[in-house]
Amino acid sequence: MADPFEVRMRFTTQLQHLNASVTSAQKAANYALKYRDMDEDLHSCILEQLDRNNMNNRANIMYFIEHLCDFSQREAHPTFITMIQRDIIHIVDAVAPPDGSGAANVKVARKVLTSLQSKDVLSAAAVTDLGARLDSRDTLGGERDESGDADMVNGVDAPGAPAGVGSLTGRGVVVGGMPYSRNGTMRIDKRQAEQRIEEDRERGKRQREMYWAVSGEGEEEFDRLWDETSDVGEDDLMLAGEERDERVGIALAA
């Protein structure tokens, strides 16, 4: 039997090194299913990494959760799915926190939630409730407090945050591990921003490839092109007439 501590450490390392590639997510999901007898412990690793890592990694973990649910359904091991259903609010709040620090992850969270609904992992009602929960989190200002004070972060005035909640630095304040300037707005690390842009570009490229993916059997590709082609209009007929006249002129000149 594998050492539980070693399994936990290796799984944690895989979560920390997730990236935009499908391979990294599938590798971690396969690992979790391989040691399914430790599923509750591995699930706690997922929650811990969501709470501890930067927003880019949290987005990658959110995508990983989708793959984990796919593999769990395929392997007929619903325990991971049950735990994700139980902790989905915690997961969403970690990926896109109420303070707006994960504004860039709101679209990721919505996309994965919609996918989980289509796979019957989450109910339509649950996804609707979670979507409403995300409505005010797609800006860096996050959710305002009742007084409407834009400088409030996690219910604490960032520039005057008490010890244990926020700490002042030479350039601003750190609240919940996220850097803020003295006026309460979040500062974004340049390296993380560049990494996120590159990962989003990779995911976009893969998504476009999926749109064109066909089996190659029968007339599937022809049917897709036929469905996507617009009806013939006057402009099309005019263009065809001009091309015909041009070809006739070239033939006569020859």
Protein backbone atom coordinates (compact mmCIF):
# COMPACT_ATOMS: atom_id res chain seq x y z
CA MET A 1 0.00 0.00 0.00
CA ALA A 2 1.29 3.46 -0.91
CA ASP A 3 2.36 5.81 1.85
CA PRO A 4 -0.54 8.29 2.41
CA PHE A 5 1.87 11.15 3.14
CA GLU A 6 3.79 10.54 -0.09
CA VAL A 7 0.57 10.31 -2.12
CA ARG A 8 -0.63 13.57 -0.63
CA MET A 9 2.67 15.35 -1.33
CA ARG A 10 2.83 14.16 -4.94
CA PHE A 11 -0.78 15.16 -5.58
CA THR A 12 -0.15 18.57 -4.03
CA THR A 13 2.86 19.05 -6.32
CA GLN A 14 0.77 18.15 -9.37
CA LEU A 15 -1.89 20.69 -8.37
CA GLN A 16 0.75 23.38 -7.87
CA HIS A 17 2.18 22.74 -11.35
CA LEU A 18 -1.08 22.66 -13.30
CA ASN A 19 -1.05 24.74 -16.48
CA ALA A 20 -3.25 25.41 -19.50
CA SER A 21 -2.55 22.02 -21.08
CA VAL A 22 -5.17 19.29 -20.89
CA THR A 23 -2.40 16.79 -20.20
CA SER A 24 -1.48 18.27 -16.82
CA ALA A 25 -5.11 18.26 -15.66
CA GLN A 26 -5.72 14.72 -16.88
CA LYS A 27 -2.51 13.49 -15.25
CA ALA A 28 -3.61 14.88 -11.87
CA ALA A 29 -7.13 13.47 -12.32
CA ASN A 30 -5.72 10.04 -13.18
CA TYR A 31 -3.52 10.20 -10.09
CA ALA A 32 -6.50 11.03 -7.87
CA LEU A 33 -8.50 8.11 -9.28
CA LYS A 34 -5.51 5.79 -8.92
CA TYR A 35 -5.53 6.45 -5.18
CA ARG A 36 -9.29 6.71 -4.83
CA ASP A 37 -9.13 4.93 -1.47
CA MET A 38 -7.68 8.21 -0.15
CA ASP A 39 -10.27 10.36 -1.93
CA GLU A 40 -11.27 12.43 1.10
CA ASP A 41 -7.64 13.29 1.86
CA LEU A 42 -6.96 14.19 -1.77
CA HIS A 43 -10.08 16.36 -1.87
CA SER A 44 -8.77 18.26 1.15
CA CYS A 45 -5.56 18.89 -0.85
CA ILE A 46 -7.64 20.52 -3.59
CA LEU A 47 -9.30 22.86 -1.11
CA GLU A 48 -5.98 23.71 0.54
CA GLN A 49 -4.33 24.59 -2.77
CA LEU A 50 -7.31 26.73 -3.78
CA ASP A 51 -6.88 28.72 -0.58
CA ARG A 52 -3.08 29.04 -0.75
CA ASN A 53 -2.12 29.58 -4.39
CA ASN A 54 -2.24 32.57 -6.74
CA MET A 55 -5.22 33.30 -8.94
CA ASN A 56 -3.69 31.73 -12.05
CA ASN A 57 -3.23 28.42 -10.29
CA ARG A 58 -6.74 28.60 -8.84
CA ALA A 59 -8.12 28.97 -12.37
CA ASN A 60 -6.12 25.91 -13.46
CA ILE A 61 -7.46 23.93 -10.48
CA MET A 62 -11.00 24.93 -11.47
CA TYR A 63 -10.42 23.47 -14.93
CA PHE A 64 -8.86 20.40 -13.30
CA ILE A 65 -12.02 19.85 -11.23
CA GLU A 66 -13.97 19.48 -14.48
CA HIS A 67 -11.59 16.74 -15.64
CA LEU A 68 -11.74 15.06 -12.22
CA CYS A 69 -15.53 14.86 -12.48
CA ASP A 70 -15.24 13.41 -16.01
CA PHE A 71 -12.84 10.72 -14.85
CA SER A 72 -14.93 9.97 -11.75
CA GLN A 73 -18.02 9.40 -13.88
CA ARG A 74 -16.05 7.21 -16.28
CA GLU A 75 -14.58 5.15 -13.44
CA ALA A 76 -17.92 4.95 -11.60
CA HIS A 77 -16.44 6.51 -8.47
CA PRO A 78 -18.90 9.26 -7.46
CA THR A 79 -17.24 10.15 -4.15
CA PHE A 80 -15.14 12.96 -5.66
CA ILE A 81 -18.26 14.36 -7.33
CA THR A 82 -20.22 14.21 -4.07
CA MET A 83 -17.50 16.12 -2.22
CA ILE A 84 -17.24 18.73 -4.99
CA GLN A 85 -21.02 19.21 -4.86
CA ARG A 86 -20.79 19.64 -1.09
CA ASP A 87 -17.96 22.20 -1.24
CA ILE A 88 -18.80 23.97 -4.49
CA ILE A 89 -19.51 27.30 -2.75
CA HIS A 90 -16.11 27.17 -1.05
CA ILE A 91 -14.49 26.31 -4.39
CA VAL A 92 -16.16 29.18 -6.26
CA ASP A 93 -15.36 31.66 -3.48
CA ALA A 94 -11.70 30.62 -3.60
CA VAL A 95 -11.45 30.84 -7.40
CA ALA A 96 -13.25 34.20 -7.60
CA PRO A 97 -13.18 35.80 -4.11
CA PRO A 98 -15.75 38.43 -3.05
CA ASP A 99 -13.01 41.09 -2.74
CA GLY A 100 -12.56 41.14 -6.52
CA SER A 101 -8.98 39.83 -6.42
CA GLY A 102 -10.06 37.00 -8.72
CA ALA A 103 -12.02 39.12 -11.20
CA ALA A 104 -10.15 37.47 -14.08
CA ASN A 105 -11.39 34.08 -12.86
CA VAL A 106 -15.10 34.87 -12.93
CA LYS A 107 -15.42 33.82 -16.57
CA VAL A 108 -13.47 30.63 -15.81
CA ALA A 109 -15.77 29.78 -12.92
CA ARG A 110 -18.89 30.38 -15.01
CA LYS A 111 -17.56 28.25 -17.87
CA VAL A 112 -16.70 25.29 -15.65
CA LEU A 113 -19.98 25.53 -13.73
CA THR A 114 -21.92 25.46 -17.00
CA SER A 115 -19.92 22.43 -18.13
CA LEU A 116 -20.55 20.63 -14.82
CA GLN A 117 -24.27 21.32 -15.22
CA SER A 118 -24.26 19.82 -18.73
CA LYS A 119 -22.63 16.69 -17.29
CA ASP A 120 -25.24 16.42 -14.51
CA VAL A 121 -22.66 17.09 -11.80
CA LEU A 122 -24.49 20.24 -10.68
CA SER A 123 -28.16 21.08 -10.91
CA ALA A 124 -29.43 24.01 -12.95
CA ALA A 125 -30.68 25.67 -9.74
CA ALA A 126 -27.25 25.39 -8.11
CA VAL A 127 -25.50 26.87 -11.14
CA THR A 128 -28.01 29.73 -11.28
CA ASP A 129 -27.42 30.53 -7.59
CA LEU A 130 -23.65 30.39 -8.03
CA GLY A 131 -23.90 32.59 -11.13
CA ALA A 132 -25.78 35.21 -9.12
CA ARG A 133 -23.08 34.93 -6.47
CA LEU A 134 -20.46 35.81 -9.11
CA ASP A 135 -22.35 38.75 -10.61
CA SER A 136 -20.56 41.42 -8.55
CA ARG A 137 -17.09 39.85 -8.65
CA ASP A 138 -15.93 40.57 -12.20
CA THR A 139 -14.31 43.90 -11.27
CA LEU A 140 -11.27 44.57 -9.11
CA GLY A 141 -13.43 46.52 -6.67
CA GLY A 142 -15.22 43.33 -5.70
CA GLU A 143 -18.27 43.43 -3.47
CA ARG A 144 -18.68 46.70 -1.60
CA ASP A 145 -19.60 46.85 2.05
CA GLU A 146 -23.02 48.18 3.11
CA SER A 147 -21.77 51.75 3.30
CA GLY A 148 -20.52 51.54 -0.32
CA ASP A 149 -16.91 52.28 0.71
CA ALA A 150 -14.75 51.25 -2.27
CA ASP A 151 -11.66 50.92 -0.05
CA MET A 152 -13.12 48.09 1.99
CA VAL A 153 -11.42 44.73 1.35
CA ASN A 154 -12.90 41.63 2.96
CA GLY A 155 -14.81 43.97 5.25
CA VAL A 156 -11.59 45.69 6.40
CA ASP A 157 -10.33 49.13 5.42
CA ALA A 158 -7.13 48.05 3.65
CA PRO A 159 -4.90 51.03 4.54
CA GLY A 160 -5.74 50.62 8.23
CA ALA A 161 -6.06 46.86 8.39
CA PRO A 162 -5.36 45.45 11.87
CA ALA A 163 -2.67 42.86 12.54
CA GLY A 164 -3.63 39.40 11.33
CA VAL A 165 -6.00 40.71 8.66
CA GLY A 166 -3.88 43.06 6.59
CA SER A 167 -0.25 44.11 6.81
CA LEU A 168 1.31 47.35 5.62
CA THR A 169 4.31 47.20 3.31
CA GLY A 170 6.52 49.88 1.86
CA ARG A 171 4.40 49.99 -1.31
CA GLY A 172 0.92 49.29 0.05
CA VAL A 173 -0.99 46.73 2.07
CA VAL A 174 -1.33 42.95 1.87
CA VAL A 175 -4.76 41.53 2.66
CA GLY A 176 -5.41 37.81 2.51
CA GLY A 177 -2.12 37.32 0.68
CA MET A 178 -3.09 39.74 -2.11
CA PRO A 179 -1.22 43.05 -2.63
CA TYR A 180 -3.17 46.32 -2.54
CA SER A 181 -2.03 49.89 -3.00
CA ARG A 182 -2.72 52.45 -0.28
CA ASN A 183 -5.92 53.61 -1.99
CA GLY A 184 -7.38 50.10 -1.67
CA THR A 185 -6.96 48.96 -5.28
CA MET A 186 -5.29 45.65 -6.03
CA ARG A 187 -1.87 45.53 -7.65
CA ILE A 188 -1.32 42.77 -10.21
CA ASP A 189 2.03 41.01 -10.44
CA LYS A 190 3.47 41.47 -13.95
CA ARG A 191 4.81 37.93 -14.21
CA GLN A 192 1.47 36.43 -13.18
CA ALA A 193 -0.33 38.67 -15.67
CA GLU A 194 1.95 37.54 -18.51
CA GLN A 195 1.52 33.90 -17.49
CA ARG A 196 -2.25 34.27 -17.46
CA ILE A 197 -2.29 35.90 -20.91
CA GLU A 198 -0.21 33.04 -22.32
CA GLU A 199 -2.39 30.37 -20.69
CA ASP A 200 -5.60 32.02 -21.88
CA ARG A 201 -4.15 32.19 -25.40
CA GLU A 202 -3.33 28.47 -25.26
CA ARG A 203 -6.84 27.60 -24.08
CA GLY A 204 -8.36 29.78 -26.80
CA LYS A 205 -6.29 28.05 -29.47
CA ARG A 206 -7.32 24.64 -28.19
CA GLN A 207 -10.98 25.71 -28.12
CA ARG A 208 -10.80 26.82 -31.76
CA GLU A 209 -9.25 23.49 -32.70
CA MET A 210 -12.12 21.68 -31.00
CA TYR A 211 -14.65 23.64 -33.08
CA TRP A 212 -13.16 22.16 -36.25
CA ALA A 213 -12.57 18.66 -34.93
CA VAL A 214 -14.50 16.04 -36.90
CA SER A 215 -14.26 12.27 -36.98
CA GLY A 216 -13.36 12.12 -40.70
CA GLU A 217 -16.00 9.48 -41.30
CA GLY A 218 -18.86 9.87 -43.79
CA GLU A 219 -20.05 13.38 -44.70
CA GLU A 220 -19.64 14.96 -41.27
CA GLU A 221 -17.22 17.67 -42.42
CA PHE A 222 -19.36 18.46 -45.49
CA ASP A 223 -22.50 18.65 -43.33
CA ARG A 224 -20.82 21.06 -40.93
CA LEU A 225 -19.62 23.35 -43.72
CA TRP A 226 -23.07 23.20 -45.33
CA ASP A 227 -24.79 24.18 -42.08
CA GLU A 228 -22.36 27.05 -41.50
CA THR A 229 -22.66 28.44 -45.03
CA SER A 230 -25.14 31.29 -45.43
CA ASP A 231 -27.90 31.30 -48.05
CA VAL A 232 -27.11 32.65 -51.53
CA GLY A 233 -27.97 36.36 -51.83
CA GLU A 234 -27.89 39.06 -54.51
CA ASP A 235 -24.32 39.99 -53.62
CA ASP A 236 -23.21 36.39 -54.19
CA LEU A 237 -24.91 36.27 -57.60
CA MET A 238 -23.39 39.62 -58.59
CA LEU A 239 -19.91 38.46 -57.57
CA ALA A 240 -20.34 35.20 -59.48
CA GLY A 241 -21.40 37.16 -62.58
CA GLU A 242 -18.36 39.41 -62.37
CA GLU A 243 -16.03 36.41 -62.01
CA ARG A 244 -17.70 34.74 -65.01
CA ASP A 245 -17.26 37.83 -67.16
CA GLU A 246 -13.61 38.06 -66.09
CA ARG A 247 -12.94 34.43 -67.04
CA VAL A 248 -14.67 34.91 -70.43
CA GLY A 249 -12.55 37.99 -71.10
CA ILE A 250 -9.35 36.12 -70.28
CA ALA A 251 -10.39 33.20 -72.52
CA LEU A 252 -11.14 35.50 -75.48
CA ALA A 253 -7.86 37.36 -75.03
CA ALA A 254 -5.96 34.10 -75.17
